[in-house]
Amino acid sequence: MTPSAEAPASAASRLARAATGLLAPAQVVVYIVAVTALHSTGSVPEALLWGLLAALFGAVVPASFIAVGVRRGWWEDRHVRDGRKRRLPLLVCLASTAAGTALGAALGGPRDLLLLGAVMCAGALALWAFTDPLGTKPSVHTLIAVVASGVTAAYFGAAGAAAALPLTALVAWSRVRLRHHTPPQVLGGALIGAAALLLFALLR
């Protein structure tokens, strides 16, 4: 099912649009890799170097590919709401993240950051598998928000979790409010994100 039509321009809908835009996957991935790089290295200059590398392959390249697609009319906007058109961007995201992780490993990158890259590849593969052919499109926004909450809790404890969890709930709500996803699609994204977090925790 592909939800249609934007919600009316109410205060709630404006909040939902702001949450969807400000907490979009690319921006949140940059936050995730920055925090992981900092806690993996303990050095700001070193974290900046590794974080930039991971952000380039995990966020900038996929977002740039989607932006080019929007300009060429391949999809309607940067959120690629039509599930039938999502598999190619997801494949590009998977390939780019895998390439960045492999390059980081070859250059001797920090273990946690490399592990995060591998886990994000697994998440992208799961998204690709469950998108469109099975008649759905798990929410990428929600998946990344769940991973961000878990990473924040892991590195900043209870205070980090208390700050991150409401934002995750806001993202999930916004996707349904804007009718970009159904509740089951948001739940699907959350479950894939939770599975990725569990894998990350087990492998650490």
C-alpha atoms as a PDB file:
ATOM      1  CA  MET A   1       0.000   0.000   0.000  1.00  0.00           C
ATOM      2  CA  THR A   2       1.322   3.433  -0.942  1.00  0.00           C
ATOM      3  CA  PRO A   3      -0.226   6.199   1.152  1.00  0.00           C
ATOM      4  CA  SER A   4      -1.211   9.268  -0.818  1.00  0.00           C
ATOM      5  CA  ALA A   5      -2.092  12.909  -0.221  1.00  0.00           C
ATOM      6  CA  GLU A   6      -0.484  15.114   2.362  1.00  0.00           C
ATOM      7  CA  ALA A   7      -2.339  15.737   5.617  1.00  0.00           C
ATOM      8  CA  PRO A   8      -4.108  19.108   5.972  1.00  0.00           C
ATOM      9  CA  ALA A   9      -1.886  22.064   6.880  1.00  0.00           C
ATOM     10  CA  SER A  10      -2.658  21.977  10.609  1.00  0.00           C
ATOM     11  CA  ALA A  11      -0.188  22.668  13.406  1.00  0.00           C
ATOM     12  CA  ALA A  12       0.220  18.897  13.857  1.00  0.00           C
ATOM     13  CA  SER A  13       0.965  18.434  10.179  1.00  0.00           C
ATOM     14  CA  ARG A  14       3.504  21.239  10.207  1.00  0.00           C
ATOM     15  CA  LEU A  15       5.221  19.577  13.160  1.00  0.00           C
ATOM     16  CA  ALA A  16       5.184  16.258  11.317  1.00  0.00           C
ATOM     17  CA  ARG A  17       6.756  17.822   8.213  1.00  0.00           C
ATOM     18  CA  ALA A  18       9.436  19.485  10.335  1.00  0.00           C
ATOM     19  CA  ALA A  19      10.246  16.214  12.118  1.00  0.00           C
ATOM     20  CA  THR A  20      10.363  14.285   8.843  1.00  0.00           C
ATOM     21  CA  GLY A  21      12.684  16.889   7.286  1.00  0.00           C
ATOM     22  CA  LEU A  22      15.002  17.663  10.194  1.00  0.00           C
ATOM     23  CA  LEU A  23      15.286  14.039  11.321  1.00  0.00           C
ATOM     24  CA  ALA A  24      15.604  12.558   7.842  1.00  0.00           C
ATOM     25  CA  PRO A  25      17.801   9.455   7.520  1.00  0.00           C
ATOM     26  CA  ALA A  26      20.821  11.186   5.986  1.00  0.00           C
ATOM     27  CA  GLN A  27      21.093  13.746   8.787  1.00  0.00           C
ATOM     28  CA  VAL A  28      20.574  11.151  11.509  1.00  0.00           C
ATOM     29  CA  VAL A  29      23.155   8.799   9.974  1.00  0.00           C
ATOM     30  CA  VAL A  30      25.709  11.632  10.151  1.00  0.00           C
ATOM     31  CA  TYR A  31      24.923  11.988  13.866  1.00  0.00           C
ATOM     32  CA  ILE A  32      25.197   8.224  14.449  1.00  0.00           C
ATOM     33  CA  VAL A  33      28.597   7.873  12.776  1.00  0.00           C
ATOM     34  CA  ALA A  34      29.921  11.039  14.453  1.00  0.00           C
ATOM     35  CA  VAL A  35      28.993   9.815  17.935  1.00  0.00           C
ATOM     36  CA  THR A  36      30.321   6.329  17.234  1.00  0.00           C
ATOM     37  CA  ALA A  37      33.575   7.676  15.808  1.00  0.00           C
ATOM     38  CA  LEU A  38      34.113   9.930  18.811  1.00  0.00           C
ATOM     39  CA  HIS A  39      33.508   7.158  21.322  1.00  0.00           C
ATOM     40  CA  SER A  40      35.568   4.679  19.305  1.00  0.00           C
ATOM     41  CA  THR A  41      38.660   6.883  19.139  1.00  0.00           C
ATOM     42  CA  GLY A  42      38.451   9.288  22.075  1.00  0.00           C
ATOM     43  CA  SER A  43      40.176  11.861  19.880  1.00  0.00           C
ATOM     44  CA  VAL A  44      38.286  14.666  18.166  1.00  0.00           C
ATOM     45  CA  PRO A  45      40.679  15.003  15.184  1.00  0.00           C
ATOM     46  CA  GLU A  46      40.732  11.242  14.613  1.00  0.00           C
ATOM     47  CA  ALA A  47      36.973  10.988  15.106  1.00  0.00           C
ATOM     48  CA  LEU A  48      36.476  13.776  12.575  1.00  0.00           C
ATOM     49  CA  LEU A  49      38.545  11.924   9.988  1.00  0.00           C
ATOM     50  CA  TRP A  50      36.791   8.567  10.405  1.00  0.00           C
ATOM     51  CA  GLY A  51      33.386  10.159  10.876  1.00  0.00           C
ATOM     52  CA  LEU A  52      33.701  12.102   7.640  1.00  0.00           C
ATOM     53  CA  LEU A  53      34.654   8.948   5.758  1.00  0.00           C
ATOM     54  CA  ALA A  54      31.693   7.009   7.169  1.00  0.00           C
ATOM     55  CA  ALA A  55      29.283   9.906   6.621  1.00  0.00           C
ATOM     56  CA  LEU A  56      30.430  10.312   3.022  1.00  0.00           C
ATOM     57  CA  PHE A  57      29.629   6.725   2.093  1.00  0.00           C
ATOM     58  CA  GLY A  58      26.727   6.171   4.489  1.00  0.00           C
ATOM     59  CA  ALA A  59      24.815   9.424   3.998  1.00  0.00           C
ATOM     60  CA  VAL A  60      26.202  11.858   1.422  1.00  0.00           C
ATOM     61  CA  VAL A  61      26.506   9.464  -1.523  1.00  0.00           C
ATOM     62  CA  PRO A  62      23.015   7.913  -1.092  1.00  0.00           C
ATOM     63  CA  ALA A  63      21.396  11.327  -0.480  1.00  0.00           C
ATOM     64  CA  SER A  64      23.149  12.770  -3.526  1.00  0.00           C
ATOM     65  CA  PHE A  65      21.966   9.889  -5.693  1.00  0.00           C
ATOM     66  CA  ILE A  66      18.389  10.473  -4.543  1.00  0.00           C
ATOM     67  CA  ALA A  67      18.720  14.217  -5.189  1.00  0.00           C
ATOM     68  CA  VAL A  68      19.883  13.524  -8.748  1.00  0.00           C
ATOM     69  CA  GLY A  69      16.914  11.181  -9.180  1.00  0.00           C
ATOM     70  CA  VAL A  70      14.496  13.875  -7.998  1.00  0.00           C
ATOM     71  CA  ARG A  71      15.922  16.373 -10.491  1.00  0.00           C
ATOM     72  CA  ARG A  72      15.584  13.832 -13.300  1.00  0.00           C
ATOM     73  CA  GLY A  73      12.041  12.909 -12.313  1.00  0.00           C
ATOM     74  CA  TRP A  74      12.808   9.332 -11.260  1.00  0.00           C
ATOM     75  CA  TRP A  75      10.955   9.870  -7.950  1.00  0.00           C
ATOM     76  CA  GLU A  76       8.736  12.598  -6.567  1.00  0.00           C
ATOM     77  CA  ASP A  77      10.881  13.832  -3.664  1.00  0.00           C
ATOM     78  CA  ARG A  78      13.868  12.943  -1.487  1.00  0.00           C
ATOM     79  CA  HIS A  79      11.745  10.622   0.649  1.00  0.00           C
ATOM     80  CA  VAL A  80      10.897   8.413  -2.371  1.00  0.00           C
ATOM     81  CA  ARG A  81       7.385   7.738  -1.116  1.00  0.00           C
ATOM     82  CA  ASP A  82       6.461   5.331  -3.914  1.00  0.00           C
ATOM     83  CA  GLY A  83       7.487   1.903  -2.617  1.00  0.00           C
ATOM     84  CA  ARG A  84       7.810   0.598  -6.174  1.00  0.00           C
ATOM     85  CA  LYS A  85      10.712   2.997  -6.749  1.00  0.00           C
ATOM     86  CA  ARG A  86      12.590   2.480  -3.496  1.00  0.00           C
ATOM     87  CA  ARG A  87      14.641  -0.594  -4.289  1.00  0.00           C
ATOM     88  CA  LEU A  88      17.229   1.187  -6.464  1.00  0.00           C
ATOM     89  CA  PRO A  89      18.019   3.903  -3.861  1.00  0.00           C
ATOM     90  CA  LEU A  90      18.223   1.209  -1.182  1.00  0.00           C
ATOM     91  CA  LEU A  91      20.621  -0.794  -3.328  1.00  0.00           C
ATOM     92  CA  VAL A  92      22.804   2.280  -3.848  1.00  0.00           C
ATOM     93  CA  CYS A  93      22.761   2.924  -0.093  1.00  0.00           C
ATOM     94  CA  LEU A  94      23.767  -0.675   0.586  1.00  0.00           C
ATOM     95  CA  ALA A  95      26.579  -0.621  -1.976  1.00  0.00           C
ATOM     96  CA  SER A  96      27.905   2.752  -0.829  1.00  0.00           C
ATOM     97  CA  THR A  97      27.845   1.834   2.873  1.00  0.00           C
ATOM     98  CA  ALA A  98      29.538  -1.491   2.137  1.00  0.00           C
ATOM     99  CA  ALA A  99      32.243   0.257   0.088  1.00  0.00           C
ATOM    100  CA  GLY A 100      32.845   2.792   2.844  1.00  0.00           C
ATOM    101  CA  THR A 101      33.043   0.074   5.493  1.00  0.00           C
ATOM    102  CA  ALA A 102      35.475  -1.961   3.396  1.00  0.00           C
ATOM    103  CA  LEU A 103      37.634   1.117   2.808  1.00  0.00           C
ATOM    104  CA  GLY A 104      37.584   1.930   6.515  1.00  0.00           C
ATOM    105  CA  ALA A 105      38.643  -1.624   7.334  1.00  0.00           C
ATOM    106  CA  ALA A 106      41.500  -1.457   4.826  1.00  0.00           C
ATOM    107  CA  LEU A 107      42.680   1.812   6.384  1.00  0.00           C
ATOM    108  CA  GLY A 108      42.505   0.457   9.934  1.00  0.00           C
ATOM    109  CA  GLY A 109      39.380   2.283  11.092  1.00  0.00           C
ATOM    110  CA  PRO A 110      37.967   2.009  14.632  1.00  0.00           C
ATOM    111  CA  ARG A 111      36.237  -1.285  15.350  1.00  0.00           C
ATOM    112  CA  ASP A 112      32.900   0.089  16.561  1.00  0.00           C
ATOM    113  CA  LEU A 113      32.547   2.295  13.503  1.00  0.00           C
ATOM    114  CA  LEU A 114      33.329  -0.594  11.164  1.00  0.00           C
ATOM    115  CA  LEU A 115      30.868  -2.792  13.030  1.00  0.00           C
ATOM    116  CA  LEU A 116      28.233  -0.088  12.768  1.00  0.00           C
ATOM    117  CA  GLY A 117      28.821   0.069   9.010  1.00  0.00           C
ATOM    118  CA  ALA A 118      28.393  -3.693   8.689  1.00  0.00           C
ATOM    119  CA  VAL A 119      25.197  -3.626  10.760  1.00  0.00           C
ATOM    120  CA  MET A 120      23.812  -0.754   8.671  1.00  0.00           C
ATOM    121  CA  CYS A 121      24.509  -2.815   5.562  1.00  0.00           C
ATOM    122  CA  ALA A 122      22.481  -5.643   7.091  1.00  0.00           C
ATOM    123  CA  GLY A 123      19.653  -3.203   7.804  1.00  0.00           C
ATOM    124  CA  ALA A 124      19.718  -1.849   4.252  1.00  0.00           C
ATOM    125  CA  LEU A 125      19.618  -5.394   2.892  1.00  0.00           C
ATOM    126  CA  ALA A 126      16.593  -6.196   5.056  1.00  0.00           C
ATOM    127  CA  LEU A 127      14.859  -3.032   3.872  1.00  0.00           C
ATOM    128  CA  TRP A 128      15.586  -3.925   0.256  1.00  0.00           C
ATOM    129  CA  ALA A 129      14.213  -7.445   0.744  1.00  0.00           C
ATOM    130  CA  PHE A 130      10.965  -6.300   2.352  1.00  0.00           C
ATOM    131  CA  THR A 131      10.291  -3.295   0.097  1.00  0.00           C
ATOM    132  CA  ASP A 132       7.649  -3.515  -2.669  1.00  0.00           C
ATOM    133  CA  PRO A 133       7.944  -7.178  -3.764  1.00  0.00           C
ATOM    134  CA  LEU A 134       6.256  -8.094  -0.496  1.00  0.00           C
ATOM    135  CA  GLY A 135       3.744  -5.277  -0.936  1.00  0.00           C
ATOM    136  CA  THR A 136       5.117  -2.941   1.700  1.00  0.00           C
ATOM    137  CA  LYS A 137       7.810  -0.359   2.388  1.00  0.00           C
ATOM    138  CA  PRO A 138       9.279  -0.398   5.907  1.00  0.00           C
ATOM    139  CA  SER A 139       9.995   3.119   7.155  1.00  0.00           C
ATOM    140  CA  VAL A 140      13.640   4.100   6.705  1.00  0.00           C
ATOM    141  CA  HIS A 141      13.073   7.162   8.908  1.00  0.00           C
ATOM    142  CA  THR A 142      11.920   4.973  11.790  1.00  0.00           C
ATOM    143  CA  LEU A 143      14.653   2.371  11.336  1.00  0.00           C
ATOM    144  CA  ILE A 144      17.403   5.005  11.502  1.00  0.00           C
ATOM    145  CA  ALA A 145      15.712   6.788  14.424  1.00  0.00           C
ATOM    146  CA  VAL A 146      15.600   3.535  16.410  1.00  0.00           C
ATOM    147  CA  VAL A 147      19.292   2.887  15.704  1.00  0.00           C
ATOM    148  CA  ALA A 148      20.119   6.458  16.736  1.00  0.00           C
ATOM    149  CA  SER A 149      18.245   5.987  20.018  1.00  0.00           C
ATOM    150  CA  GLY A 150      20.108   2.784  20.752  1.00  0.00           C
ATOM    151  CA  VAL A 151      23.499   4.298  19.948  1.00  0.00           C
ATOM    152  CA  THR A 152      22.692   7.352  22.077  1.00  0.00           C
ATOM    153  CA  ALA A 153      21.643   5.155  24.996  1.00  0.00           C
ATOM    154  CA  ALA A 154      24.766   3.003  24.639  1.00  0.00           C
ATOM    155  CA  TYR A 155      27.134   5.953  24.726  1.00  0.00           C
ATOM    156  CA  PHE A 156      25.280   8.430  26.967  1.00  0.00           C
ATOM    157  CA  GLY A 157      23.342   6.140  29.288  1.00  0.00           C
ATOM    158  CA  ALA A 158      19.887   6.810  30.698  1.00  0.00           C
ATOM    159  CA  ALA A 159      20.056  10.549  30.033  1.00  0.00           C
ATOM    160  CA  GLY A 160      20.786   9.898  26.373  1.00  0.00           C
ATOM    161  CA  ALA A 161      17.936   7.418  26.111  1.00  0.00           C
ATOM    162  CA  ALA A 162      15.533   9.868  27.776  1.00  0.00           C
ATOM    163  CA  ALA A 163      16.430  12.498  25.179  1.00  0.00           C
ATOM    164  CA  ALA A 164      16.438  10.195  22.151  1.00  0.00           C
ATOM    165  CA  LEU A 165      13.324   8.074  22.666  1.00  0.00           C
ATOM    166  CA  PRO A 166      10.804  10.946  22.386  1.00  0.00           C
ATOM    167  CA  LEU A 167      12.445  12.012  19.123  1.00  0.00           C
ATOM    168  CA  THR A 168      12.142   8.462  17.809  1.00  0.00           C
ATOM    169  CA  ALA A 169       8.463   8.432  18.726  1.00  0.00           C
ATOM    170  CA  LEU A 170       8.053  11.817  17.020  1.00  0.00           C
ATOM    171  CA  VAL A 171       9.613  10.488  13.818  1.00  0.00           C
ATOM    172  CA  ALA A 172       7.393   7.403  13.816  1.00  0.00           C
ATOM    173  CA  TRP A 173       4.295   9.515  14.430  1.00  0.00           C
ATOM    174  CA  SER A 174       5.259  11.993  11.696  1.00  0.00           C
ATOM    175  CA  ARG A 175       5.492   9.293   9.024  1.00  0.00           C
ATOM    176  CA  VAL A 176       1.941   8.147   9.759  1.00  0.00           C
ATOM    177  CA  ARG A 177       0.598  11.679  10.220  1.00  0.00           C
ATOM    178  CA  LEU A 178       1.857  12.694   6.778  1.00  0.00           C
ATOM    179  CA  ARG A 179       0.458   9.464   5.313  1.00  0.00           C
ATOM    180  CA  HIS A 180       3.862   8.559   3.918  1.00  0.00           C
ATOM    181  CA  HIS A 181       3.614   5.244   5.793  1.00  0.00           C
ATOM    182  CA  THR A 182       1.007   3.084   7.448  1.00  0.00           C
ATOM    183  CA  PRO A 183       1.409   2.045  11.110  1.00  0.00           C
ATOM    184  CA  PRO A 184       2.531  -1.495  10.100  1.00  0.00           C
ATOM    185  CA  GLN A 185       5.190  -0.003   7.803  1.00  0.00           C
ATOM    186  CA  VAL A 186       6.483   2.171  10.642  1.00  0.00           C
ATOM    187  CA  LEU A 187       6.484  -0.856  12.940  1.00  0.00           C
ATOM    188  CA  GLY A 188       8.379  -2.828  10.293  1.00  0.00           C
ATOM    189  CA  GLY A 189      11.078  -0.172  10.122  1.00  0.00           C
ATOM    190  CA  ALA A 190      11.296  -0.082  13.917  1.00  0.00           C
ATOM    191  CA  LEU A 191      11.685  -3.856  14.108  1.00  0.00           C
ATOM    192  CA  ILE A 192      14.474  -3.883  11.523  1.00  0.00           C
ATOM    193  CA  GLY A 193      16.180  -1.087  13.467  1.00  0.00           C
ATOM    194  CA  ALA A 194      15.830  -3.013  16.729  1.00  0.00           C
ATOM    195  CA  ALA A 195      17.267  -6.141  15.090  1.00  0.00           C
ATOM    196  CA  ALA A 196      20.218  -4.110  13.797  1.00  0.00           C
ATOM    197  CA  LEU A 197      20.825  -2.735  17.291  1.00  0.00           C
ATOM    198  CA  LEU A 198      20.701  -6.217  18.799  1.00  0.00           C
ATOM    199  CA  LEU A 199      23.212  -7.451  16.231  1.00  0.00           C
ATOM    200  CA  PHE A 200      25.463  -4.479  16.977  1.00  0.00           C
ATOM    201  CA  ALA A 201      25.298  -5.189  20.719  1.00  0.00           C
ATOM    202  CA  LEU A 202      25.995  -8.909  20.289  1.00  0.00           C
ATOM    203  CA  LEU A 203      28.977  -8.371  18.003  1.00  0.00           C
ATOM    204  CA  ARG A 204      30.547  -5.704  20.209  1.00  0.00           C
END
